[in-house]
Amino acid sequence: MDASTVRRLTVVAWGMGLAGLALVAGSLLWLRSGYVLSKVNGESMTPTYAVGDRIAAERVDGDEVERGDVVLFSAPDRYGPGVQVVQRVIGVGGDRVVCCEEQEAITVNGERLREPYVRDGIADGLHQPYDVTVPEGRLFLLGDHRLNSRDARAFQEDQGGTVPVGAVEGRVIDGFVGPLLLGAAAFLGLVVALLGLVLAIGTRSLRRRPAQQAVLWPEHL
Protein backbone atom coordinates (compact mmCIF):
# COMPACT_ATOMS: atom_id res chain seq x y z
CA MET A 1 0.00 0.00 0.00
CA ASP A 2 1.53 3.32 -1.03
CA ALA A 3 2.07 6.28 1.30
CA SER A 4 -0.72 8.42 -0.17
CA THR A 5 -3.29 5.69 0.44
CA VAL A 6 -2.11 5.30 4.03
CA ARG A 7 -2.42 9.06 4.56
CA ARG A 8 -5.97 9.04 3.20
CA LEU A 9 -6.92 6.17 5.49
CA THR A 10 -5.41 8.03 8.42
CA VAL A 11 -7.55 11.09 7.64
CA VAL A 12 -10.64 8.89 7.36
CA ALA A 13 -9.84 7.22 10.67
CA TRP A 14 -9.49 10.57 12.46
CA GLY A 15 -12.70 11.82 10.87
CA MET A 16 -14.64 8.72 11.97
CA GLY A 17 -13.29 8.98 15.50
CA LEU A 18 -14.12 12.66 15.92
CA ALA A 19 -17.55 12.31 14.29
CA GLY A 20 -18.36 9.33 16.51
CA LEU A 21 -17.31 11.13 19.68
CA ALA A 22 -19.29 14.21 18.65
CA LEU A 23 -22.39 12.06 18.08
CA VAL A 24 -21.99 10.40 21.48
CA ALA A 25 -21.50 13.70 23.30
CA GLY A 26 -24.33 15.45 21.45
CA SER A 27 -26.81 12.62 21.98
CA LEU A 28 -26.06 12.30 25.69
CA LEU A 29 -26.22 16.06 26.17
CA TRP A 30 -29.55 16.26 24.35
CA LEU A 31 -30.89 13.32 26.37
CA ARG A 32 -29.85 14.91 29.64
CA SER A 33 -31.09 18.39 28.79
CA GLY A 34 -34.25 17.35 26.96
CA TYR A 35 -35.73 14.56 29.09
CA VAL A 36 -36.20 13.47 32.68
CA LEU A 37 -36.49 9.75 33.45
CA SER A 38 -38.32 8.78 36.61
CA LYS A 39 -40.35 6.05 38.30
CA VAL A 40 -43.85 6.17 39.77
CA ASN A 41 -43.64 5.51 43.51
CA GLY A 42 -47.27 5.86 44.59
CA GLU A 43 -50.83 5.02 43.60
CA SER A 44 -52.05 8.60 43.16
CA MET A 45 -51.98 8.35 39.34
CA THR A 46 -53.64 4.95 38.91
CA PRO A 47 -55.02 3.71 36.60
CA THR A 48 -53.00 5.93 34.22
CA TYR A 49 -49.69 4.95 35.84
CA ALA A 50 -49.12 2.11 38.28
CA VAL A 51 -46.56 1.85 41.05
CA GLY A 52 -43.16 1.05 39.59
CA ASP A 53 -43.93 2.30 36.07
CA ARG A 54 -41.00 3.96 34.33
CA ILE A 55 -41.90 7.29 32.77
CA ALA A 56 -40.18 9.84 30.58
CA ALA A 57 -40.87 13.54 30.84
CA GLU A 58 -39.96 16.11 28.21
CA ARG A 59 -38.33 19.13 29.77
CA VAL A 60 -40.57 22.16 29.25
CA ASP A 61 -41.17 25.44 31.03
CA GLY A 62 -44.08 25.24 33.43
CA ASP A 63 -45.94 27.98 31.60
CA GLU A 64 -46.01 25.78 28.47
CA VAL A 65 -48.14 23.02 29.99
CA GLU A 66 -51.88 22.89 29.40
CA ARG A 67 -54.94 21.49 31.13
CA GLY A 68 -54.94 17.72 30.96
CA ASP A 69 -51.16 17.38 30.76
CA VAL A 70 -49.45 15.07 33.23
CA VAL A 71 -46.39 16.73 34.73
CA LEU A 72 -43.41 15.77 36.82
CA PHE A 73 -42.68 18.37 39.48
CA SER A 74 -41.00 18.96 42.82
CA ALA A 75 -42.43 20.66 45.89
CA PRO A 76 -39.93 20.10 48.74
CA ASP A 77 -42.04 21.95 51.30
CA ARG A 78 -44.92 19.51 50.71
CA TYR A 79 -43.39 16.19 49.71
CA GLY A 80 -39.81 16.47 50.92
CA PRO A 81 -36.50 17.33 49.24
CA GLY A 82 -35.56 15.36 46.16
CA VAL A 83 -39.03 13.83 45.72
CA GLN A 84 -40.48 13.93 42.20
CA VAL A 85 -44.27 13.93 42.01
CA VAL A 86 -46.51 13.04 39.07
CA GLN A 87 -49.91 14.77 38.82
CA ARG A 88 -52.31 16.10 36.21
CA VAL A 89 -52.88 19.75 35.35
CA ILE A 90 -56.48 20.70 36.10
CA GLY A 91 -56.20 24.47 36.05
CA VAL A 92 -53.69 27.08 34.87
CA GLY A 93 -53.28 30.72 35.82
CA GLY A 94 -56.61 32.56 35.79
CA ASP A 95 -58.79 29.42 35.82
CA ARG A 96 -61.54 28.97 38.39
CA VAL A 97 -61.67 25.35 39.57
CA VAL A 98 -64.74 24.32 41.56
CA CYS A 99 -65.74 21.02 43.16
CA CYS A 100 -68.31 19.77 43.82
CA GLU A 101 -71.44 21.89 43.75
CA GLU A 102 -74.42 19.81 42.66
CA GLN A 103 -72.86 16.51 41.69
CA GLU A 104 -69.45 14.95 41.98
CA ALA A 105 -67.80 16.70 39.07
CA ILE A 106 -65.16 19.38 38.70
CA THR A 107 -65.91 22.53 36.75
CA VAL A 108 -63.28 24.75 35.20
CA ASN A 109 -64.45 28.26 34.34
CA GLY A 110 -68.05 27.09 34.74
CA GLU A 111 -67.77 24.09 32.40
CA ARG A 112 -67.87 20.53 33.61
CA LEU A 113 -64.53 18.79 33.22
CA ARG A 114 -64.70 15.47 31.39
CA GLU A 115 -62.26 13.12 33.07
CA PRO A 116 -62.23 9.62 31.54
CA TYR A 117 -58.82 9.01 33.15
CA VAL A 118 -59.90 9.12 36.82
CA ARG A 119 -60.10 5.86 38.71
CA ASP A 120 -63.60 4.39 38.98
CA GLY A 121 -65.02 7.62 37.55
CA ILE A 122 -64.69 9.39 40.92
CA ALA A 123 -63.87 13.06 40.43
CA ASP A 124 -63.30 13.82 44.11
CA GLY A 125 -64.59 11.38 46.70
CA LEU A 126 -63.37 13.40 49.70
CA HIS A 127 -66.58 15.43 50.01
CA GLN A 128 -64.62 18.58 50.76
CA PRO A 129 -65.85 21.29 48.38
CA TYR A 130 -63.36 23.84 47.10
CA ASP A 131 -63.47 26.92 44.92
CA VAL A 132 -60.03 28.00 43.71
CA THR A 133 -59.05 30.74 41.32
CA VAL A 134 -55.58 29.78 40.16
CA PRO A 135 -53.11 32.67 40.55
CA GLU A 136 -51.10 33.66 37.50
CA GLY A 137 -47.86 31.72 37.25
CA ARG A 138 -49.24 28.77 39.20
CA LEU A 139 -50.94 25.42 38.47
CA PHE A 140 -53.73 23.44 40.12
CA LEU A 141 -52.75 19.75 40.08
CA LEU A 142 -54.61 16.58 41.03
CA GLY A 143 -53.85 12.86 40.93
CA ASP A 144 -56.03 10.54 38.85
CA HIS A 145 -56.85 8.36 41.87
CA ARG A 146 -58.84 10.99 43.74
CA LEU A 147 -59.50 8.77 46.77
CA ASN A 148 -55.79 8.18 47.29
CA SER A 149 -53.94 11.29 46.18
CA ARG A 150 -52.26 13.91 48.33
CA ASP A 151 -52.60 16.73 45.85
CA ALA A 152 -53.80 20.35 45.71
CA ARG A 153 -56.81 19.53 47.90
CA ALA A 154 -54.53 18.81 50.85
CA PHE A 155 -52.87 22.24 50.72
CA GLN A 156 -55.79 24.60 50.27
CA GLU A 157 -54.38 27.08 52.76
CA ASP A 158 -51.35 27.63 50.51
CA GLN A 159 -52.70 29.64 47.56
CA GLY A 160 -55.50 27.16 46.98
CA GLY A 161 -53.08 24.23 46.87
CA THR A 162 -51.49 25.46 43.63
CA VAL A 163 -47.82 25.14 42.80
CA PRO A 164 -45.59 27.60 40.91
CA VAL A 165 -44.93 26.84 37.24
CA GLY A 166 -41.22 26.82 38.11
CA ALA A 167 -41.76 23.59 40.06
CA VAL A 168 -42.42 21.68 36.85
CA GLU A 169 -39.50 19.53 35.70
CA GLY A 170 -41.14 18.08 32.62
CA ARG A 171 -44.30 17.00 30.81
CA VAL A 172 -44.81 13.23 30.85
CA ILE A 173 -44.87 11.73 27.36
CA ASP A 174 -46.28 8.47 26.06
CA GLY A 175 -43.54 5.93 25.48
CA PHE A 176 -39.79 6.33 25.24
CA VAL A 177 -39.33 6.98 21.51
CA GLY A 178 -37.33 10.18 21.95
CA PRO A 179 -34.97 8.89 24.67
CA LEU A 180 -34.52 5.57 22.86
CA LEU A 181 -33.59 7.29 19.61
CA LEU A 182 -31.04 9.43 21.41
CA GLY A 183 -29.67 6.35 23.17
CA ALA A 184 -29.39 4.56 19.81
CA ALA A 185 -27.60 7.59 18.33
CA ALA A 186 -25.12 7.57 21.22
CA PHE A 187 -24.47 3.85 20.70
CA LEU A 188 -23.99 4.37 16.96
CA GLY A 189 -21.53 7.17 17.67
CA LEU A 190 -19.59 4.89 19.99
CA VAL A 191 -19.39 2.18 17.30
CA VAL A 192 -18.19 4.70 14.70
CA ALA A 193 -15.56 6.06 17.12
CA LEU A 194 -14.28 2.55 17.85
CA LEU A 195 -14.09 1.71 14.14
CA GLY A 196 -12.12 4.89 13.61
CA LEU A 197 -9.74 3.88 16.41
CA VAL A 198 -9.23 0.42 14.90
CA LEU A 199 -8.58 1.95 11.47
CA ALA A 200 -6.14 4.46 12.97
CA ILE A 201 -4.19 1.68 14.69
CA GLY A 202 -4.11 -0.27 11.44
CA THR A 203 -2.82 2.64 9.37
CA ARG A 204 -0.22 3.45 12.02
CA SER A 205 1.17 -0.07 11.79
CA LEU A 206 1.28 0.23 7.99
CA ARG A 207 3.24 3.47 8.23
CA ARG A 208 5.78 1.84 10.55
CA ARG A 209 6.25 -1.26 8.37
CA PRO A 210 9.50 -0.93 6.38
CA ALA A 211 9.08 -0.87 2.64
CA GLN A 212 10.32 -3.96 0.81
CA GLN A 213 13.33 -3.23 -1.38
CA ALA A 214 12.89 -4.27 -4.96
CA VAL A 215 15.66 -6.52 -6.37
CA LEU A 216 16.90 -4.93 -9.56
CA TRP A 217 19.57 -7.54 -10.37
CA PRO A 218 20.48 -10.90 -8.92
CA GLU A 219 23.05 -11.05 -6.12
CA HIS A 220 24.82 -14.05 -7.67
CA LEU A 221 25.68 -14.51 -11.27
C-alpha atoms as a PDB file:
ATOM      1  CA  MET A   1       0.000   0.000   0.000  1.00  0.00           C
ATOM      2  CA  ASP A   2       1.526   3.325  -1.033  1.00  0.00           C
ATOM      3  CA  ALA A   3       2.069   6.278   1.299  1.00  0.00           C
ATOM      4  CA  SER A   4      -0.716   8.424  -0.171  1.00  0.00           C
ATOM      5  CA  THR A   5      -3.292   5.693   0.439  1.00  0.00           C
ATOM      6  CA  VAL A   6      -2.109   5.302   4.028  1.00  0.00           C
ATOM      7  CA  ARG A   7      -2.419   9.064   4.559  1.00  0.00           C
ATOM      8  CA  ARG A   8      -5.972   9.037   3.204  1.00  0.00           C
ATOM      9  CA  LEU A   9      -6.920   6.170   5.489  1.00  0.00           C
ATOM     10  CA  THR A  10      -5.415   8.033   8.421  1.00  0.00           C
ATOM     11  CA  VAL A  11      -7.549  11.088   7.644  1.00  0.00           C
ATOM     12  CA  VAL A  12     -10.645   8.892   7.355  1.00  0.00           C
ATOM     13  CA  ALA A  13      -9.836   7.225  10.672  1.00  0.00           C
ATOM     14  CA  TRP A  14      -9.491  10.568  12.462  1.00  0.00           C
ATOM     15  CA  GLY A  15     -12.697  11.815  10.866  1.00  0.00           C
ATOM     16  CA  MET A  16     -14.636   8.724  11.969  1.00  0.00           C
ATOM     17  CA  GLY A  17     -13.290   8.978  15.498  1.00  0.00           C
ATOM     18  CA  LEU A  18     -14.116  12.663  15.917  1.00  0.00           C
ATOM     19  CA  ALA A  19     -17.545  12.307  14.291  1.00  0.00           C
ATOM     20  CA  GLY A  20     -18.363   9.330  16.512  1.00  0.00           C
ATOM     21  CA  LEU A  21     -17.312  11.128  19.682  1.00  0.00           C
ATOM     22  CA  ALA A  22     -19.286  14.209  18.652  1.00  0.00           C
ATOM     23  CA  LEU A  23     -22.386  12.061  18.078  1.00  0.00           C
ATOM     24  CA  VAL A  24     -21.993  10.396  21.477  1.00  0.00           C
ATOM     25  CA  ALA A  25     -21.502  13.700  23.296  1.00  0.00           C
ATOM     26  CA  GLY A  26     -24.327  15.455  21.449  1.00  0.00           C
ATOM     27  CA  SER A  27     -26.809  12.617  21.983  1.00  0.00           C
ATOM     28  CA  LEU A  28     -26.058  12.296  25.690  1.00  0.00           C
ATOM     29  CA  LEU A  29     -26.218  16.063  26.171  1.00  0.00           C
ATOM     30  CA  TRP A  30     -29.554  16.263  24.348  1.00  0.00           C
ATOM     31  CA  LEU A  31     -30.895  13.319  26.366  1.00  0.00           C
ATOM     32  CA  ARG A  32     -29.849  14.907  29.640  1.00  0.00           C
ATOM     33  CA  SER A  33     -31.089  18.389  28.792  1.00  0.00           C
ATOM     34  CA  GLY A  34     -34.255  17.346  26.962  1.00  0.00           C
ATOM     35  CA  TYR A  35     -35.732  14.563  29.089  1.00  0.00           C
ATOM     36  CA  VAL A  36     -36.196  13.468  32.682  1.00  0.00           C
ATOM     37  CA  LEU A  37     -36.491   9.751  33.450  1.00  0.00           C
ATOM     38  CA  SER A  38     -38.318   8.782  36.615  1.00  0.00           C
ATOM     39  CA  LYS A  39     -40.346   6.050  38.303  1.00  0.00           C
ATOM     40  CA  VAL A  40     -43.850   6.174  39.769  1.00  0.00           C
ATOM     41  CA  ASN A  41     -43.637   5.512  43.510  1.00  0.00           C
ATOM     42  CA  GLY A  42     -47.269   5.862  44.594  1.00  0.00           C
ATOM     43  CA  GLU A  43     -50.831   5.023  43.602  1.00  0.00           C
ATOM     44  CA  SER A  44     -52.050   8.597  43.156  1.00  0.00           C
ATOM     45  CA  MET A  45     -51.983   8.352  39.338  1.00  0.00           C
ATOM     46  CA  THR A  46     -53.638   4.946  38.913  1.00  0.00           C
ATOM     47  CA  PRO A  47     -55.022   3.715  36.600  1.00  0.00           C
ATOM     48  CA  THR A  48     -53.001   5.932  34.225  1.00  0.00           C
ATOM     49  CA  TYR A  49     -49.688   4.950  35.835  1.00  0.00           C
ATOM     50  CA  ALA A  50     -49.120   2.113  38.279  1.00  0.00           C
ATOM     51  CA  VAL A  51     -46.562   1.853  41.054  1.00  0.00           C
ATOM     52  CA  GLY A  52     -43.158   1.046  39.591  1.00  0.00           C
ATOM     53  CA  ASP A  53     -43.934   2.300  36.072  1.00  0.00           C
ATOM     54  CA  ARG A  54     -41.003   3.960  34.334  1.00  0.00           C
ATOM     55  CA  ILE A  55     -41.903   7.291  32.774  1.00  0.00           C
ATOM     56  CA  ALA A  56     -40.178   9.841  30.584  1.00  0.00           C
ATOM     57  CA  ALA A  57     -40.872  13.543  30.836  1.00  0.00           C
ATOM     58  CA  GLU A  58     -39.963  16.111  28.208  1.00  0.00           C
ATOM     59  CA  ARG A  59     -38.327  19.135  29.767  1.00  0.00           C
ATOM     60  CA  VAL A  60     -40.569  22.164  29.249  1.00  0.00           C
ATOM     61  CA  ASP A  61     -41.169  25.437  31.029  1.00  0.00           C
ATOM     62  CA  GLY A  62     -44.083  25.237  33.430  1.00  0.00           C
ATOM     63  CA  ASP A  63     -45.944  27.982  31.597  1.00  0.00           C
ATOM     64  CA  GLU A  64     -46.014  25.782  28.468  1.00  0.00           C
ATOM     65  CA  VAL A  65     -48.143  23.023  29.990  1.00  0.00           C
ATOM     66  CA  GLU A  66     -51.876  22.887  29.398  1.00  0.00           C
ATOM     67  CA  ARG A  67     -54.937  21.492  31.132  1.00  0.00           C
ATOM     68  CA  GLY A  68     -54.936  17.718  30.957  1.00  0.00           C
ATOM     69  CA  ASP A  69     -51.156  17.379  30.758  1.00  0.00           C
ATOM     70  CA  VAL A  70     -49.446  15.070  33.233  1.00  0.00           C
ATOM     71  CA  VAL A  71     -46.388  16.733  34.729  1.00  0.00           C
ATOM     72  CA  LEU A  72     -43.407  15.767  36.818  1.00  0.00           C
ATOM     73  CA  PHE A  73     -42.681  18.370  39.484  1.00  0.00           C
ATOM     74  CA  SER A  74     -40.996  18.963  42.823  1.00  0.00           C
ATOM     75  CA  ALA A  75     -42.435  20.656  45.889  1.00  0.00           C
ATOM     76  CA  PRO A  76     -39.932  20.101  48.735  1.00  0.00           C
ATOM     77  CA  ASP A  77     -42.038  21.952  51.302  1.00  0.00           C
ATOM     78  CA  ARG A  78     -44.917  19.513  50.705  1.00  0.00           C
ATOM     79  CA  TYR A  79     -43.389  16.190  49.713  1.00  0.00           C
ATOM     80  CA  GLY A  80     -39.808  16.465  50.922  1.00  0.00           C
ATOM     81  CA  PRO A  81     -36.496  17.331  49.239  1.00  0.00           C
ATOM     82  CA  GLY A  82     -35.564  15.360  46.159  1.00  0.00           C
ATOM     83  CA  VAL A  83     -39.033  13.833  45.719  1.00  0.00           C
ATOM     84  CA  GLN A  84     -40.480  13.931  42.200  1.00  0.00           C
ATOM     85  CA  VAL A  85     -44.275  13.933  42.014  1.00  0.00           C
ATOM     86  CA  VAL A  86     -46.513  13.037  39.070  1.00  0.00           C
ATOM     87  CA  GLN A  87     -49.909  14.766  38.821  1.00  0.00           C
ATOM     88  CA  ARG A  88     -52.314  16.102  36.211  1.00  0.00           C
ATOM     89  CA  VAL A  89     -52.880  19.755  35.347  1.00  0.00           C
ATOM     90  CA  ILE A  90     -56.485  20.697  36.097  1.00  0.00           C
ATOM     91  CA  GLY A  91     -56.198  24.474  36.050  1.00  0.00           C
ATOM     92  CA  VAL A  92     -53.687  27.077  34.871  1.00  0.00           C
ATOM     93  CA  GLY A  93     -53.279  30.716  35.817  1.00  0.00           C
ATOM     94  CA  GLY A  94     -56.608  32.558  35.795  1.00  0.00           C
ATOM     95  CA  ASP A  95     -58.792  29.424  35.820  1.00  0.00           C
ATOM     96  CA  ARG A  96     -61.538  28.973  38.393  1.00  0.00           C
ATOM     97  CA  VAL A  97     -61.666  25.355  39.572  1.00  0.00           C
ATOM     98  CA  VAL A  98     -64.743  24.317  41.560  1.00  0.00           C
ATOM     99  CA  CYS A  99     -65.739  21.019  43.163  1.00  0.00           C
ATOM    100  CA  CYS A 100     -68.315  19.770  43.822  1.00  0.00           C
ATOM    101  CA  GLU A 101     -71.438  21.890  43.750  1.00  0.00           C
ATOM    102  CA  GLU A 102     -74.421  19.812  42.661  1.00  0.00           C
ATOM    103  CA  GLN A 103     -72.862  16.513  41.692  1.00  0.00           C
ATOM    104  CA  GLU A 104     -69.445  14.948  41.981  1.00  0.00           C
ATOM    105  CA  ALA A 105     -67.799  16.695  39.068  1.00  0.00           C
ATOM    106  CA  ILE A 106     -65.163  19.384  38.703  1.00  0.00           C
ATOM    107  CA  THR A 107     -65.915  22.525  36.753  1.00  0.00           C
ATOM    108  CA  VAL A 108     -63.276  24.754  35.201  1.00  0.00           C
ATOM    109  CA  ASN A 109     -64.454  28.261  34.344  1.00  0.00           C
ATOM    110  CA  GLY A 110     -68.046  27.092  34.736  1.00  0.00           C
ATOM    111  CA  GLU A 111     -67.765  24.095  32.400  1.00  0.00           C
ATOM    112  CA  ARG A 112     -67.875  20.535  33.613  1.00  0.00           C
ATOM    113  CA  LEU A 113     -64.530  18.788  33.216  1.00  0.00           C
ATOM    114  CA  ARG A 114     -64.697  15.466  31.391  1.00  0.00           C
ATOM    115  CA  GLU A 115     -62.260  13.115  33.068  1.00  0.00           C
ATOM    116  CA  PRO A 116     -62.229   9.624  31.539  1.00  0.00           C
ATOM    117  CA  TYR A 117     -58.822   9.011  33.146  1.00  0.00           C
ATOM    118  CA  VAL A 118     -59.904   9.124  36.819  1.00  0.00           C
ATOM    119  CA  ARG A 119     -60.103   5.858  38.706  1.00  0.00           C
ATOM    120  CA  ASP A 120     -63.604   4.394  38.979  1.00  0.00           C
ATOM    121  CA  GLY A 121     -65.024   7.621  37.549  1.00  0.00           C
ATOM    122  CA  ILE A 122     -64.694   9.385  40.917  1.00  0.00           C
ATOM    123  CA  ALA A 123     -63.868  13.062  40.428  1.00  0.00           C
ATOM    124  CA  ASP A 124     -63.300  13.816  44.112  1.00  0.00           C
ATOM    125  CA  GLY A 125     -64.586  11.384  46.696  1.00  0.00           C
ATOM    126  CA  LEU A 126     -63.373  13.399  49.699  1.00  0.00           C
ATOM    127  CA  HIS A 127     -66.583  15.435  50.014  1.00  0.00           C
ATOM    128  CA  GLN A 128     -64.619  18.578  50.763  1.00  0.00           C
ATOM    129  CA  PRO A 129     -65.849  21.291  48.383  1.00  0.00           C
ATOM    130  CA  TYR A 130     -63.364  23.836  47.104  1.00  0.00           C
ATOM    131  CA  ASP A 131     -63.470  26.916  44.924  1.00  0.00           C
ATOM    132  CA  VAL A 132     -60.031  27.997  43.708  1.00  0.00           C
ATOM    133  CA  THR A 133     -59.051  30.743  41.317  1.00  0.00           C
ATOM    134  CA  VAL A 134     -55.581  29.775  40.161  1.00  0.00           C
ATOM    135  CA  PRO A 135     -53.111  32.670  40.550  1.00  0.00           C
ATOM    136  CA  GLU A 136     -51.095  33.657  37.505  1.00  0.00           C
ATOM    137  CA  GLY A 137     -47.864  31.723  37.252  1.00  0.00           C
ATOM    138  CA  ARG A 138     -49.237  28.769  39.200  1.00  0.00           C
ATOM    139  CA  LEU A 139     -50.937  25.420  38.474  1.00  0.00           C
ATOM    140  CA  PHE A 140     -53.726  23.439  40.124  1.00  0.00           C
ATOM    141  CA  LEU A 141     -52.747  19.747  40.076  1.00  0.00           C
ATOM    142  CA  LEU A 142     -54.609  16.577  41.034  1.00  0.00           C
ATOM    143  CA  GLY A 143     -53.845  12.865  40.927  1.00  0.00           C
ATOM    144  CA  ASP A 144     -56.027  10.542  38.852  1.00  0.00           C
ATOM    145  CA  HIS A 145     -56.851   8.359  41.870  1.00  0.00           C
ATOM    146  CA  ARG A 146     -58.840  10.988  43.743  1.00  0.00           C
ATOM    147  CA  LEU A 147     -59.504   8.767  46.771  1.00  0.00           C
ATOM    148  CA  ASN A 148     -55.791   8.182  47.290  1.00  0.00           C
ATOM    149  CA  SER A 149     -53.935  11.295  46.182  1.00  0.00           C
ATOM    150  CA  ARG A 150     -52.258  13.913  48.334  1.00  0.00           C
ATOM    151  CA  ASP A 151     -52.604  16.729  45.851  1.00  0.00           C
ATOM    152  CA  ALA A 152     -53.798  20.348  45.715  1.00  0.00           C
ATOM    153  CA  ARG A 153     -56.806  19.534  47.896  1.00  0.00           C
ATOM    154  CA  ALA A 154     -54.529  18.812  50.848  1.00  0.00           C
ATOM    155  CA  PHE A 155     -52.866  22.237  50.716  1.00  0.00           C
ATOM    156  CA  GLN A 156     -55.793  24.602  50.267  1.00  0.00           C
ATOM    157  CA  GLU A 157     -54.380  27.084  52.759  1.00  0.00           C
ATOM    158  CA  ASP A 158     -51.351  27.626  50.513  1.00  0.00           C
ATOM    159  CA  GLN A 159     -52.697  29.637  47.563  1.00  0.00           C
ATOM    160  CA  GLY A 160     -55.496  27.162  46.984  1.00  0.00           C
ATOM    161  CA  GLY A 161     -53.084  24.232  46.869  1.00  0.00           C
ATOM    162  CA  THR A 162     -51.494  25.463  43.633  1.00  0.00           C
ATOM    163  CA  VAL A 163     -47.817  25.140  42.799  1.00  0.00           C
ATOM    164  CA  PRO A 164     -45.587  27.602  40.908  1.00  0.00           C
ATOM    165  CA  VAL A 165     -44.926  26.839  37.245  1.00  0.00           C
ATOM    166  CA  GLY A 166     -41.218  26.821  38.105  1.00  0.00           C
ATOM    167  CA  ALA A 167     -41.758  23.594  40.064  1.00  0.00           C
ATOM    168  CA  VAL A 168     -42.423  21.685  36.848  1.00  0.00           C
ATOM    169  CA  GLU A 169     -39.500  19.534  35.703  1.00  0.00           C
ATOM    170  CA  GLY A 170     -41.144  18.083  32.622  1.00  0.00           C
ATOM    171  CA  ARG A 171     -44.298  17.000  30.813  1.00  0.00           C
ATOM    172  CA  VAL A 172     -44.805  13.233  30.854  1.00  0.00           C
ATOM    173  CA  ILE A 173     -44.867  11.726  27.363  1.00  0.00           C
ATOM    174  CA  ASP A 174     -46.285   8.474  26.062  1.00  0.00           C
ATOM    175  CA  GLY A 175     -43.535   5.932  25.475  1.00  0.00           C
ATOM    176  CA  PHE A 176     -39.795   6.328  25.242  1.00  0.00           C
ATOM    177  CA  VAL A 177     -39.333   6.983  21.514  1.00  0.00           C
ATOM    178  CA  GLY A 178     -37.326  10.184  21.952  1.00  0.00           C
ATOM    179  CA  PRO A 179     -34.970   8.894  24.669  1.00  0.00           C
ATOM    180  CA  LEU A 180     -34.520   5.573  22.864  1.00  0.00           C
ATOM    181  CA  LEU A 181     -33.594   7.292  19.605  1.00  0.00           C
ATOM    182  CA  LEU A 182     -31.035   9.429  21.410  1.00  0.00           C
ATOM    183  CA  GLY A 183     -29.667   6.355  23.168  1.00  0.00           C
ATOM    184  CA  ALA A 184     -29.386   4.560  19.813  1.00  0.00           C
ATOM    185  CA  ALA A 185     -27.604   7.586  18.331  1.00  0.00           C
ATOM    186  CA  ALA A 186     -25.122   7.572  21.221  1.00  0.00           C
ATOM    187  CA  PHE A 187     -24.467   3.848  20.700  1.00  0.00           C
ATOM    188  CA  LEU A 188     -23.987   4.368  16.958  1.00  0.00           C
ATOM    189  CA  GLY A 189     -21.529   7.173  17.670  1.00  0.00           C
ATOM    190  CA  LEU A 190     -19.586   4.893  19.991  1.00  0.00           C
ATOM    191  CA  VAL A 191     -19.388   2.184  17.302  1.00  0.00           C
ATOM    192  CA  VAL A 192     -18.185   4.697  14.698  1.00  0.00           C
ATOM    193  CA  ALA A 193     -15.561   6.058  17.116  1.00  0.00           C
ATOM    194  CA  LEU A 194     -14.277   2.545  17.849  1.00  0.00           C
ATOM    195  CA  LEU A 195     -14.093   1.706  14.139  1.00  0.00           C
ATOM    196  CA  GLY A 196     -12.116   4.894  13.615  1.00  0.00           C
ATOM    197  CA  LEU A 197      -9.744   3.881  16.408  1.00  0.00           C
ATOM    198  CA  VAL A 198      -9.231   0.422  14.895  1.00  0.00           C
ATOM    199  CA  LEU A 199      -8.581   1.946  11.474  1.00  0.00           C
ATOM    200  CA  ALA A 200      -6.144   4.462  12.967  1.00  0.00           C
ATOM    201  CA  ILE A 201      -4.193   1.678  14.685  1.00  0.00           C
ATOM    202  CA  GLY A 202      -4.113  -0.271  11.442  1.00  0.00           C
ATOM    203  CA  THR A 203      -2.824   2.635   9.366  1.00  0.00           C
ATOM    204  CA  ARG A 204      -0.221   3.449  12.022  1.00  0.00           C
ATOM    205  CA  SER A 205       1.170  -0.073  11.786  1.00  0.00           C
ATOM    206  CA  LEU A 206       1.277   0.233   7.992  1.00  0.00           C
ATOM    207  CA  ARG A 207       3.244   3.466   8.231  1.00  0.00           C
ATOM    208  CA  ARG A 208       5.775   1.843  10.551  1.00  0.00           C
ATOM    209  CA  ARG A 209       6.249  -1.260   8.371  1.00  0.00           C
ATOM    210  CA  PRO A 210       9.501  -0.927   6.376  1.00  0.00           C
ATOM    211  CA  ALA A 211       9.077  -0.872   2.637  1.00  0.00           C
ATOM    212  CA  GLN A 212      10.320  -3.964   0.813  1.00  0.00           C
ATOM    213  CA  GLN A 213      13.332  -3.234  -1.377  1.00  0.00           C
ATOM    214  CA  ALA A 214      12.892  -4.266  -4.955  1.00  0.00           C
ATOM    215  CA  VAL A 215      15.657  -6.522  -6.370  1.00  0.00           C
ATOM    216  CA  LEU A 216      16.895  -4.931  -9.559  1.00  0.00           C
ATOM    217  CA  TRP A 217      19.571  -7.537 -10.369  1.00  0.00           C
ATOM    218  CA  PRO A 218      20.484 -10.900  -8.922  1.00  0.00           C
ATOM    219  CA  GLU A 219      23.045 -11.049  -6.122  1.00  0.00           C
ATOM    220  CA  HIS A 220      24.821 -14.049  -7.670  1.00  0.00           C
ATOM    221  CA  LEU A 221      25.676 -14.513 -11.271  1.00  0.00           C
END
